[in-house]
Amino acid sequence: MDGKTATEPVTSHDRQERFDLVRRRVGLLLGPIAFAAVLLFADGLPGPQRSLAAIFALVMIWWISEAIPLAVTALLAVSLCVLLGVGDEDTVFGAFGNDTIFVFLGGFVIARAMTVHGLDRRIALRMLSIPGVVRSPARTVIAFGALAAAISAFISNTAAVAMLFPIGLGVIAAVSSISTGNAPRQSRTSTALMLVIAYGASIGGLFTPIGAPHQLIGRQLVEDQTGRDIGFVQWVGLFAPIVIAMFVVLCLVLLLLNRPEVKRLDHAEEYVAAERAKLGAFSRGERNTSIAFALAVVLWTGPGILQPVLGEDNGFVELVRDHLTEGVAAILAATLLFVLPLPGKPGKATLDWSDAAKIDWGTILLFAAGIVLGSLSSETGLAERVGAGFSELIGVSSLTGVTVLAAITALLISETTSNTASVGIVLPIVLPMAQALGVDPLIPGLVATAAAGYGFMLPVSTPPNAIVYGSGLVPITRMVRSGLVFDVLGVAILVTGVLTLAPVVGL
């Protein structure tokens, strides 16, 4: 018999599932209605603008409601752009050749190799085995948060959480003071530990542009709209201090709102030591993956480092800048994984295509669709019209006011839909709105991109939130309370940091 029996209580997880089901069903119905309504009644818009606005209406509702998979909605959107004459097929499908697509592709392949060979897990367990780290509840929370933030700077936050989540559960289960037998139970300590893994991964991804898919999408949209390049080193210089400040605040918020019941975690160190012992010696696969990852980092950061050292007009710097793009660097490093051999079986490379093919292709499709919709909204004039309309409504015209508004808008939308979808919805509004107000759109665009990765209040906000909520160790009330406080403080840190640091890093 499906569903809950009369004697089984309805949990908050059950209510969340029911809410998601209703949300998808309502969105599935409202999307086509909104699409038809704009096509039929938006008489004030010229033909291409009206068609694109109708497509946006459908896409926004289906992305927010997740009525069908996000990538499927993305493919439908680009197909409708051709079908309704918003753009020709070369313009629309040409976005799939964007350099950033190959940054995604190479980065995802390297991250996949880390997972296949267990390099990410080895790094995590090595850090947790530092004497005294997991003996104290507070130090354990900080250590897991730091690991989540550091790992998610180079692989997706979802993958980082999926890797740390079982280790965190193991630590909780091994500690008698916050478990019952072998079963972990809800406590303030376990709540803080689960939440710091999820939140740490979300903020850590901001450290580098490749740390989260929505950041590459947002950076590309900002660059297209402003005509300025935002290099890897510039991004790190801008957001690294912000991430550090946010991490300090995160730890304080979680430990104050979820004060640990005990001062010492017995048996946690033994559990970590046992898990490390299971890994065995450092394998050839891990070594090869480390080499490929190091090459990617060197190639990504090299152009930004060479420029101030040798000068902008240096011939070698110009050659590297023009030809060694981030996409090329990612593919070169990823290709190394298919060249470096493993011992034993002749011809066996570090990574097989069967493993590499398991990367997140849906995000790549979503990114391309976001680029298409963003560029077409500019070409058709829809972005300028929407921006002018919003500028008349909001009543703010300063750089600070527009930046705060951009952050809050992106944050609110990210609480109800995916980060990648949030960027695709918010930036086509924020960027032209800033231009209509005579404000440089670069800073509001970057802030909106970063804020779209927030969404700390609800399980549905981000996959990391959903993963830790599924543990049963995080009451929804504690997630909402902790997330709300951190949302507010995080926006304040983000806006202040970007406004202060952007001129310093040359943006």
Protein backbone atom coordinates (compact mmCIF):
# COMPACT_ATOMS: atom_id res chain seq x y z
CA MET A 1 0.00 0.00 0.00
CA ASP A 2 1.44 3.38 -1.03
CA GLY A 3 1.61 6.39 1.24
CA LYS A 4 1.42 6.62 5.01
CA THR A 5 -0.79 4.29 7.00
CA ALA A 6 -3.21 5.62 9.55
CA THR A 7 -0.77 4.87 12.35
CA GLU A 8 2.30 6.47 10.77
CA PRO A 9 2.88 10.16 11.51
CA VAL A 10 3.22 12.66 8.69
CA THR A 11 6.73 14.09 8.88
CA SER A 12 8.04 17.44 7.67
CA HIS A 13 9.78 15.52 4.89
CA ASP A 14 6.41 14.16 3.74
CA ARG A 15 4.93 17.65 3.74
CA GLN A 16 7.87 18.90 1.69
CA GLU A 17 7.31 16.16 -0.89
CA ARG A 18 3.61 17.01 -1.14
CA PHE A 19 4.40 20.70 -1.54
CA ASP A 20 6.88 19.90 -4.33
CA LEU A 21 4.29 17.74 -6.11
CA VAL A 22 1.65 20.49 -5.97
CA ARG A 23 4.21 23.07 -7.08
CA ARG A 24 5.15 21.00 -10.13
CA ARG A 25 1.55 20.34 -11.12
CA VAL A 26 0.51 23.97 -10.78
CA GLY A 27 3.58 25.14 -12.69
CA LEU A 28 2.97 22.64 -15.48
CA LEU A 29 -0.47 24.19 -16.02
CA LEU A 30 0.44 27.86 -15.50
CA GLY A 31 3.45 27.84 -17.86
CA PRO A 32 1.53 27.31 -21.12
CA ILE A 33 -1.24 29.66 -19.95
CA ALA A 34 1.29 32.44 -19.35
CA PHE A 35 2.97 31.69 -22.68
CA ALA A 36 -0.33 31.97 -24.59
CA ALA A 37 -1.44 35.06 -22.66
CA VAL A 38 1.72 37.01 -23.54
CA LEU A 39 1.53 35.98 -27.20
CA LEU A 40 -2.13 36.98 -27.48
CA PHE A 41 -2.37 40.10 -25.32
CA ALA A 42 1.07 41.81 -25.19
CA ASP A 43 0.11 44.13 -28.05
CA GLY A 44 2.60 46.80 -26.95
CA LEU A 45 5.58 44.63 -27.88
CA PRO A 46 6.91 44.13 -31.42
CA GLY A 47 6.77 40.59 -32.83
CA PRO A 48 10.21 39.21 -31.78
CA GLN A 49 10.00 40.87 -28.36
CA ARG A 50 6.53 39.49 -27.76
CA SER A 51 7.57 35.96 -28.74
CA LEU A 52 10.67 36.11 -26.54
CA ALA A 53 8.64 37.50 -23.61
CA ALA A 54 6.22 34.58 -23.99
CA ILE A 55 9.10 32.13 -23.96
CA PHE A 56 10.52 33.83 -20.85
CA ALA A 57 7.13 33.55 -19.11
CA LEU A 58 6.96 29.84 -19.81
CA VAL A 59 10.59 29.21 -18.86
CA MET A 60 10.47 31.20 -15.60
CA ILE A 61 7.37 29.38 -14.37
CA TRP A 62 8.66 25.96 -15.31
CA TRP A 63 12.11 26.65 -13.89
CA ILE A 64 10.71 27.95 -10.60
CA SER A 65 8.14 25.15 -10.28
CA GLU A 66 10.45 22.49 -11.76
CA ALA A 67 7.42 21.19 -13.63
CA ILE A 68 9.70 19.21 -15.93
CA PRO A 69 13.50 18.76 -15.72
CA LEU A 70 15.32 22.10 -16.00
CA ALA A 71 17.47 20.94 -18.91
CA VAL A 72 14.38 19.87 -20.88
CA THR A 73 12.83 23.29 -20.34
CA ALA A 74 16.09 24.83 -21.54
CA LEU A 75 16.08 22.81 -24.76
CA LEU A 76 12.42 23.66 -25.35
CA ALA A 77 13.19 27.36 -24.89
CA VAL A 78 15.97 27.47 -27.49
CA SER A 79 13.83 25.47 -29.93
CA LEU A 80 10.92 27.88 -29.48
CA CYS A 81 13.27 30.78 -30.19
CA VAL A 82 13.93 29.33 -33.65
CA LEU A 83 10.32 28.20 -34.19
CA LEU A 84 8.85 31.63 -33.40
CA GLY A 85 11.48 33.55 -35.36
CA VAL A 86 13.17 35.25 -32.41
CA GLY A 87 16.55 34.16 -33.79
CA ASP A 88 17.90 32.02 -36.60
CA GLU A 89 19.26 28.54 -35.96
CA ASP A 90 22.92 29.59 -36.37
CA THR A 91 22.57 32.28 -33.71
CA VAL A 92 20.55 30.17 -31.31
CA PHE A 93 22.39 26.87 -31.50
CA GLY A 94 25.76 28.58 -31.91
CA ALA A 95 25.69 29.27 -28.17
CA PHE A 96 26.50 25.62 -27.61
CA GLY A 97 30.00 26.37 -28.91
CA ASN A 98 30.64 29.01 -26.24
CA ASP A 99 34.05 28.75 -24.56
CA THR A 100 32.45 28.50 -21.12
CA ILE A 101 30.69 25.30 -22.20
CA PHE A 102 34.12 23.70 -22.36
CA VAL A 103 35.06 25.07 -18.95
CA PHE A 104 32.03 23.19 -17.65
CA LEU A 105 32.94 20.09 -19.60
CA GLY A 106 36.59 19.95 -18.53
CA GLY A 107 35.85 20.87 -14.93
CA PHE A 108 33.13 18.27 -14.61
CA VAL A 109 35.40 15.56 -16.05
CA ILE A 110 38.21 16.38 -13.58
CA ALA A 111 35.70 16.39 -10.69
CA ARG A 112 34.41 13.02 -11.90
CA ALA A 113 37.94 11.60 -11.80
CA MET A 114 38.32 12.83 -8.22
CA THR A 115 35.18 10.94 -7.25
CA VAL A 116 36.07 7.77 -9.19
CA HIS A 117 39.50 7.49 -7.56
CA GLY A 118 38.47 8.80 -4.13
CA LEU A 119 40.86 11.75 -4.12
CA ASP A 120 38.23 14.11 -2.68
CA ARG A 121 37.43 11.70 0.17
CA ARG A 122 41.12 11.22 0.96
CA ILE A 123 41.64 14.98 1.20
CA ALA A 124 38.64 15.33 3.52
CA LEU A 125 39.66 12.51 5.85
CA ARG A 126 43.25 13.74 5.93
CA MET A 127 42.12 17.17 7.12
CA LEU A 128 39.78 15.67 9.72
CA SER A 129 42.58 13.49 11.08
CA ILE A 130 44.57 16.50 12.29
CA PRO A 131 44.96 15.91 16.05
CA GLY A 132 42.16 17.46 18.10
CA VAL A 133 40.00 18.60 15.16
CA VAL A 134 37.09 16.20 15.66
CA ARG A 135 37.45 15.97 19.42
CA SER A 136 35.53 19.21 20.02
CA PRO A 137 32.00 19.81 18.62
CA ALA A 138 32.83 23.39 17.66
CA ARG A 139 36.10 22.42 15.95
CA THR A 140 34.34 19.57 14.17
CA VAL A 141 31.68 21.91 12.79
CA ILE A 142 34.32 24.41 11.65
CA ALA A 143 36.46 21.66 10.09
CA PHE A 144 33.58 20.19 8.09
CA GLY A 145 32.53 23.66 6.95
CA ALA A 146 36.06 24.53 5.88
CA LEU A 147 36.36 21.27 3.96
CA ALA A 148 33.03 21.80 2.22
CA ALA A 149 34.02 25.34 1.26
CA ALA A 150 37.48 24.36 0.04
CA ILE A 151 36.36 21.36 -2.01
CA SER A 152 33.39 23.17 -3.57
CA ALA A 153 35.73 25.89 -4.84
CA PHE A 154 36.74 23.46 -7.60
CA ILE A 155 33.95 20.89 -7.86
CA SER A 156 30.19 21.38 -7.67
CA ASN A 157 28.70 22.10 -4.25
CA THR A 158 26.36 19.13 -4.69
CA ALA A 159 29.29 16.76 -5.26
CA ALA A 160 31.16 18.24 -2.29
CA VAL A 161 28.18 17.71 0.01
CA ALA A 162 27.49 14.22 -1.35
CA MET A 163 31.06 13.30 -0.48
CA LEU A 164 31.18 14.87 3.01
CA PHE A 165 27.63 13.94 4.01
CA PRO A 166 28.29 10.23 4.75
CA ILE A 167 31.50 11.12 6.60
CA GLY A 168 29.52 13.54 8.76
CA LEU A 169 26.87 10.90 9.43
CA GLY A 170 29.61 8.45 10.36
CA VAL A 171 31.12 10.89 12.84
CA ILE A 172 27.71 11.51 14.42
CA ALA A 173 26.93 7.79 14.61
CA ALA A 174 30.32 7.08 16.18
CA VAL A 175 29.79 9.62 18.96
CA SER A 176 27.75 8.12 21.78
CA SER A 177 26.79 11.50 23.23
CA ILE A 178 24.78 12.51 20.14
CA SER A 179 23.48 9.14 19.02
CA THR A 180 21.28 6.36 20.31
CA GLY A 181 23.01 3.05 19.74
CA ASN A 182 24.08 3.10 16.09
CA ALA A 183 21.35 5.51 15.02
CA PRO A 184 22.12 9.25 15.02
CA ARG A 185 19.45 11.40 16.60
CA GLN A 186 18.44 15.01 16.20
CA SER A 187 20.46 17.37 18.35
CA ARG A 188 21.84 20.86 18.16
CA THR A 189 25.29 19.44 17.40
CA SER A 190 24.11 17.21 14.56
CA THR A 191 22.01 20.06 13.13
CA ALA A 192 24.98 22.44 13.13
CA LEU A 193 27.20 19.79 11.53
CA MET A 194 24.74 18.99 8.73
CA LEU A 195 23.97 22.64 8.02
CA VAL A 196 27.62 23.72 7.94
CA ILE A 197 28.31 21.06 5.29
CA ALA A 198 25.49 22.37 3.10
CA TYR A 199 26.05 26.09 3.68
CA GLY A 200 29.84 25.82 3.59
CA ALA A 201 29.68 24.20 0.15
CA SER A 202 27.32 26.89 -1.15
CA ILE A 203 29.51 29.80 -0.07
CA GLY A 204 32.80 28.04 -0.89
CA GLY A 205 31.81 27.67 -4.52
CA LEU A 206 31.99 31.44 -4.80
CA PHE A 207 35.76 31.33 -4.29
CA THR A 208 36.43 30.55 -7.98
CA PRO A 209 34.30 31.11 -11.09
CA ILE A 210 34.25 27.34 -11.72
CA GLY A 211 33.02 26.58 -8.19
CA ALA A 212 29.36 26.54 -9.22
CA PRO A 213 27.69 26.29 -12.63
CA HIS A 214 25.48 29.33 -12.09
CA GLN A 215 28.59 31.50 -11.62
CA LEU A 216 29.96 30.64 -15.05
CA ILE A 217 26.55 31.42 -16.53
CA GLY A 218 26.31 34.73 -14.68
CA ARG A 219 29.87 35.74 -15.51
CA GLN A 220 29.26 35.06 -19.20
CA LEU A 221 26.03 37.10 -19.21
CA VAL A 222 27.76 39.99 -17.42
CA GLU A 223 30.69 39.90 -19.85
CA ASP A 224 28.36 39.83 -22.85
CA GLN A 225 26.34 42.78 -21.55
CA THR A 226 29.27 44.95 -20.42
CA GLY A 227 31.92 43.99 -22.97
CA ARG A 228 34.47 43.46 -20.20
CA ASP A 229 36.38 40.28 -19.35
CA ILE A 230 36.37 38.97 -15.79
CA GLY A 231 39.48 36.83 -15.45
CA PHE A 232 39.98 33.86 -13.13
CA VAL A 233 42.45 35.76 -10.96
CA GLN A 234 40.23 38.85 -10.83
CA TRP A 235 37.29 36.73 -9.69
CA VAL A 236 39.33 35.09 -6.94
CA GLY A 237 40.72 38.45 -5.83
CA LEU A 238 37.19 39.85 -5.58
CA PHE A 239 35.36 36.99 -3.89
CA ALA A 240 38.03 35.22 -1.78
CA PRO A 241 37.90 37.83 1.03
CA ILE A 242 34.08 37.76 0.87
CA VAL A 243 34.02 33.96 1.18
CA ILE A 244 36.38 34.06 4.16
CA ALA A 245 34.27 36.70 5.92
CA MET A 246 31.08 34.77 5.19
CA PHE A 247 32.58 31.54 6.48
CA VAL A 248 33.53 33.16 9.81
CA VAL A 249 30.01 34.55 10.15
CA LEU A 250 28.51 31.19 9.15
CA CYS A 251 30.35 29.33 11.90
CA LEU A 252 29.35 31.92 14.49
CA VAL A 253 25.70 31.87 13.43
CA LEU A 254 25.38 28.08 13.41
CA LEU A 255 27.21 27.57 16.71
CA LEU A 256 25.26 30.32 18.45
CA LEU A 257 21.85 29.21 17.15
CA ASN A 258 22.66 25.51 17.58
CA ARG A 259 24.87 25.51 20.64
CA PRO A 260 26.45 22.03 21.10
CA GLU A 261 25.15 20.02 24.05
CA VAL A 262 28.56 18.57 24.90
CA LYS A 263 32.13 19.83 24.99
CA ARG A 264 33.81 16.65 23.77
CA LEU A 265 33.03 14.10 21.02
CA ASP A 266 34.20 10.69 22.17
CA HIS A 267 35.12 8.10 19.51
CA ALA A 268 35.03 10.59 16.59
CA GLU A 269 38.81 10.45 16.13
CA GLU A 270 38.73 6.65 16.10
CA TYR A 271 36.07 6.67 13.38
CA VAL A 272 38.07 9.04 11.16
CA ALA A 273 41.24 6.99 11.66
CA ALA A 274 39.39 3.79 10.72
CA GLU A 275 37.97 5.38 7.56
CA ARG A 276 41.43 6.63 6.54
CA ALA A 277 42.87 3.16 7.03
CA LYS A 278 40.31 1.76 4.58
CA LEU A 279 41.67 4.03 1.82
CA GLY A 280 45.05 2.33 1.71
CA ALA A 281 48.07 3.84 -0.03
CA PHE A 282 47.91 6.80 -2.41
CA SER A 283 46.96 5.23 -5.74
CA ARG A 284 48.21 5.94 -9.24
CA GLY A 285 44.72 7.12 -10.16
CA GLU A 286 44.73 9.68 -7.38
CA ARG A 287 48.22 10.83 -8.40
CA ASN A 288 47.21 11.22 -12.06
CA THR A 289 44.05 13.09 -11.09
CA SER A 290 46.12 15.44 -8.91
CA ILE A 291 48.40 16.15 -11.88
CA ALA A 292 45.47 16.94 -14.18
CA PHE A 293 43.85 19.16 -11.54
CA ALA A 294 47.11 21.02 -10.88
CA LEU A 295 47.56 21.61 -14.61
CA ALA A 296 44.06 23.06 -14.88
CA VAL A 297 44.67 25.47 -11.99
CA VAL A 298 48.01 26.58 -13.44
CA LEU A 299 46.51 27.19 -16.89
CA TRP A 300 43.48 28.99 -15.45
CA THR A 301 45.52 31.31 -13.26
CA GLY A 302 48.58 31.70 -15.52
CA PRO A 303 47.28 34.44 -17.84
CA GLY A 304 46.11 36.55 -14.92
CA ILE A 305 49.45 36.22 -13.15
CA LEU A 306 51.60 36.83 -16.24
CA GLN A 307 49.81 40.05 -17.17
CA PRO A 308 50.92 42.18 -14.18
CA VAL A 309 54.39 40.54 -14.18
CA LEU A 310 55.31 40.97 -17.87
CA GLY A 311 52.93 43.77 -18.80
CA GLU A 312 49.71 43.90 -20.79
CA ASP A 313 51.45 44.67 -24.10
CA ASN A 314 53.96 41.83 -23.85
CA GLY A 315 53.74 39.60 -26.93
CA PHE A 316 53.76 36.35 -24.97
CA VAL A 317 51.02 37.63 -22.64
CA GLU A 318 48.86 38.59 -25.62
CA LEU A 319 49.43 35.17 -27.20
CA VAL A 320 48.44 33.35 -24.00
CA ARG A 321 45.46 35.62 -23.38
CA ASP A 322 44.10 35.19 -26.91
CA HIS A 323 44.65 31.46 -27.31
CA LEU A 324 44.81 29.85 -23.86
CA THR A 325 41.19 30.47 -22.90
CA GLU A 326 39.68 28.91 -19.79
CA GLY A 327 37.78 26.44 -21.97
CA VAL A 328 40.96 25.36 -23.77
CA ALA A 329 42.76 25.01 -20.43
CA ALA A 330 39.97 22.85 -19.00
CA ILE A 331 39.93 20.53 -22.01
CA LEU A 332 43.74 20.17 -22.05
CA ALA A 333 43.77 19.20 -18.38
CA ALA A 334 40.79 16.85 -18.72
CA THR A 335 42.34 15.16 -21.77
CA LEU A 336 45.36 14.27 -19.64
CA LEU A 337 43.10 11.94 -17.65
CA PHE A 338 42.54 9.85 -20.79
CA VAL A 339 46.29 9.73 -21.50
CA LEU A 340 47.94 9.04 -18.14
CA PRO A 341 47.90 5.24 -17.64
CA LEU A 342 46.98 3.10 -14.67
CA PRO A 343 49.15 0.14 -13.66
CA GLY A 344 48.03 -3.40 -14.31
CA LYS A 345 45.81 -3.57 -17.38
CA PRO A 346 47.62 -2.38 -20.57
CA GLY A 347 45.95 0.60 -22.21
CA LYS A 348 43.90 1.43 -19.10
CA ALA A 349 43.77 5.21 -18.66
CA THR A 350 43.03 7.17 -15.49
CA LEU A 351 39.46 7.78 -16.62
CA ASP A 352 37.23 5.82 -18.98
CA TRP A 353 34.69 7.56 -21.17
CA SER A 354 31.96 5.48 -19.53
CA ASP A 355 32.82 7.22 -16.25
CA ALA A 356 33.35 10.63 -17.83
CA ALA A 357 29.96 10.44 -19.55
CA LYS A 358 28.27 10.49 -16.13
CA ILE A 359 28.93 14.23 -15.68
CA ASP A 360 26.05 16.68 -15.34
CA TRP A 361 25.11 17.24 -18.99
CA GLY A 362 21.86 18.89 -17.92
CA THR A 363 23.70 21.85 -16.44
CA ILE A 364 25.65 22.31 -19.67
CA LEU A 365 22.39 22.45 -21.64
CA LEU A 366 20.92 24.85 -19.08
CA PHE A 367 23.92 27.13 -19.42
CA ALA A 368 23.67 27.27 -23.21
CA ALA A 369 19.97 28.12 -22.99
CA GLY A 370 20.70 30.92 -20.54
CA ILE A 371 23.25 32.40 -22.94
CA VAL A 372 20.76 32.18 -25.82
CA LEU A 373 17.93 33.86 -23.92
CA GLY A 374 20.25 36.54 -22.53
CA SER A 375 21.75 37.45 -25.91
CA LEU A 376 18.39 37.42 -27.70
CA SER A 377 16.80 39.64 -25.04
CA SER A 378 19.51 42.20 -25.80
CA GLU A 379 19.35 41.84 -29.60
CA THR A 380 15.55 42.14 -29.76
CA GLY A 381 15.48 45.11 -27.39
CA LEU A 382 13.36 43.26 -24.84
CA ALA A 383 16.03 43.62 -22.16
CA GLU A 384 16.17 47.39 -22.61
CA ARG A 385 12.38 47.67 -22.46
CA VAL A 386 12.13 45.50 -19.34
CA GLY A 387 14.98 47.36 -17.68
CA ALA A 388 13.38 50.73 -18.37
CA GLY A 389 10.07 49.48 -16.96
CA PHE A 390 11.65 48.22 -13.77
CA SER A 391 13.70 51.37 -13.34
CA GLU A 392 10.50 53.41 -13.25
CA LEU A 393 8.98 51.16 -10.59
CA ILE A 394 11.76 50.62 -8.08
CA GLY A 395 12.49 54.17 -7.05
CA VAL A 396 16.25 53.68 -6.64
CA SER A 397 18.92 55.00 -8.95
CA SER A 398 22.24 54.75 -7.09
CA LEU A 399 24.78 51.99 -7.61
CA THR A 400 24.34 50.83 -4.01
CA GLY A 401 20.55 50.77 -4.26
CA VAL A 402 20.52 48.82 -7.52
CA THR A 403 23.13 46.39 -6.16
CA VAL A 404 21.12 45.71 -2.99
CA LEU A 405 17.98 45.22 -5.04
CA ALA A 406 19.81 42.81 -7.36
CA ALA A 407 21.06 40.77 -4.39
CA ILE A 408 17.66 40.55 -2.70
CA THR A 409 15.87 39.63 -5.94
CA ALA A 410 18.35 36.86 -6.76
CA LEU A 411 18.22 35.59 -3.18
CA LEU A 412 14.42 35.40 -3.07
CA ILE A 413 14.20 33.57 -6.39
CA SER A 414 16.99 31.16 -5.41
CA GLU A 415 14.99 30.15 -2.33
CA THR A 416 12.38 28.54 -4.59
CA THR A 417 14.32 27.32 -7.62
CA SER A 418 17.76 26.14 -8.66
CA ASN A 419 20.76 28.47 -8.68
CA THR A 420 21.30 28.07 -12.41
CA ALA A 421 17.67 28.86 -13.15
CA SER A 422 17.81 31.87 -10.80
CA VAL A 423 20.68 33.40 -12.76
CA GLY A 424 18.84 32.89 -16.04
CA ILE A 425 15.79 34.64 -14.61
CA VAL A 426 17.39 37.51 -12.67
CA LEU A 427 20.30 38.74 -14.82
CA PRO A 428 18.25 39.49 -17.96
CA ILE A 429 16.28 41.86 -15.69
CA VAL A 430 19.05 43.29 -13.50
CA LEU A 431 21.58 44.11 -16.22
CA PRO A 432 19.33 46.18 -18.49
CA MET A 433 17.67 47.77 -15.47
CA ALA A 434 21.05 49.03 -14.28
CA GLN A 435 21.84 50.39 -17.74
CA ALA A 436 18.48 52.14 -17.94
CA LEU A 437 19.26 53.87 -14.63
CA GLY A 438 22.70 54.95 -15.85
CA VAL A 439 24.44 52.56 -13.45
CA ASP A 440 27.38 50.37 -14.46
CA PRO A 441 25.77 46.90 -14.61
CA LEU A 442 28.99 45.03 -13.78
CA ILE A 443 28.71 45.20 -9.99
CA PRO A 444 24.94 44.55 -9.72
CA GLY A 445 25.38 41.68 -12.19
CA LEU A 446 28.19 40.07 -10.20
CA VAL A 447 26.28 40.49 -6.93
CA ALA A 448 23.13 38.96 -8.44
CA THR A 449 25.21 36.06 -9.75
CA ALA A 450 26.71 35.41 -6.33
CA ALA A 451 23.41 35.87 -4.46
CA ALA A 452 21.74 33.33 -6.74
CA GLY A 453 23.92 30.74 -5.01
CA TYR A 454 22.51 31.56 -1.58
CA GLY A 455 19.08 30.20 -0.68
CA PHE A 456 19.85 28.83 2.77
CA MET A 457 16.35 28.68 4.25
CA LEU A 458 14.53 25.77 2.62
CA PRO A 459 15.36 22.19 1.59
CA VAL A 460 14.19 22.97 -1.95
CA SER A 461 16.51 25.97 -2.27
CA THR A 462 19.66 24.05 -3.25
CA PRO A 463 20.65 20.38 -3.66
CA PRO A 464 23.05 20.64 -0.67
CA ASN A 465 20.15 21.75 1.52
CA ALA A 466 18.02 18.86 0.27
CA ILE A 467 20.78 16.31 0.88
CA VAL A 468 21.37 17.24 4.53
CA TYR A 469 17.65 17.69 5.21
CA GLY A 470 17.12 14.14 3.99
CA SER A 471 19.28 12.89 6.87
CA GLY A 472 16.41 13.50 9.28
CA LEU A 473 18.84 15.31 11.59
CA VAL A 474 17.82 18.85 10.60
CA PRO A 475 14.40 20.06 11.78
CA ILE A 476 12.83 22.37 9.21
CA THR A 477 12.39 25.10 11.84
CA ARG A 478 16.14 25.13 12.56
CA MET A 479 16.98 25.24 8.86
CA VAL A 480 14.61 28.16 8.29
CA ARG A 481 15.85 30.07 11.34
CA SER A 482 19.55 29.52 10.64
CA GLY A 483 19.10 30.13 6.92
CA LEU A 484 17.16 33.36 7.40
CA VAL A 485 19.81 34.85 9.68
CA PHE A 486 22.59 33.85 7.33
CA ASP A 487 20.68 35.11 4.27
CA VAL A 488 20.46 38.58 5.79
CA LEU A 489 24.07 38.70 6.99
CA GLY A 490 25.32 37.12 3.78
CA VAL A 491 23.68 39.74 1.57
CA ALA A 492 25.15 42.51 3.71
CA ILE A 493 28.66 41.01 3.46
CA LEU A 494 28.30 40.33 -0.27
CA VAL A 495 27.09 43.81 -1.24
CA THR A 496 29.62 45.59 0.97
CA GLY A 497 32.46 43.36 -0.19
CA VAL A 498 31.82 43.67 -3.93
CA LEU A 499 31.28 47.44 -3.79
CA THR A 500 34.54 47.82 -1.82
CA LEU A 501 36.77 45.31 -3.60
CA ALA A 502 35.69 45.60 -7.25
CA PRO A 503 37.77 48.78 -7.87
CA VAL A 504 40.71 47.20 -6.05
CA VAL A 505 40.88 44.21 -8.42
CA GLY A 506 40.37 46.37 -11.49
CA LEU A 507 36.66 45.76 -12.15
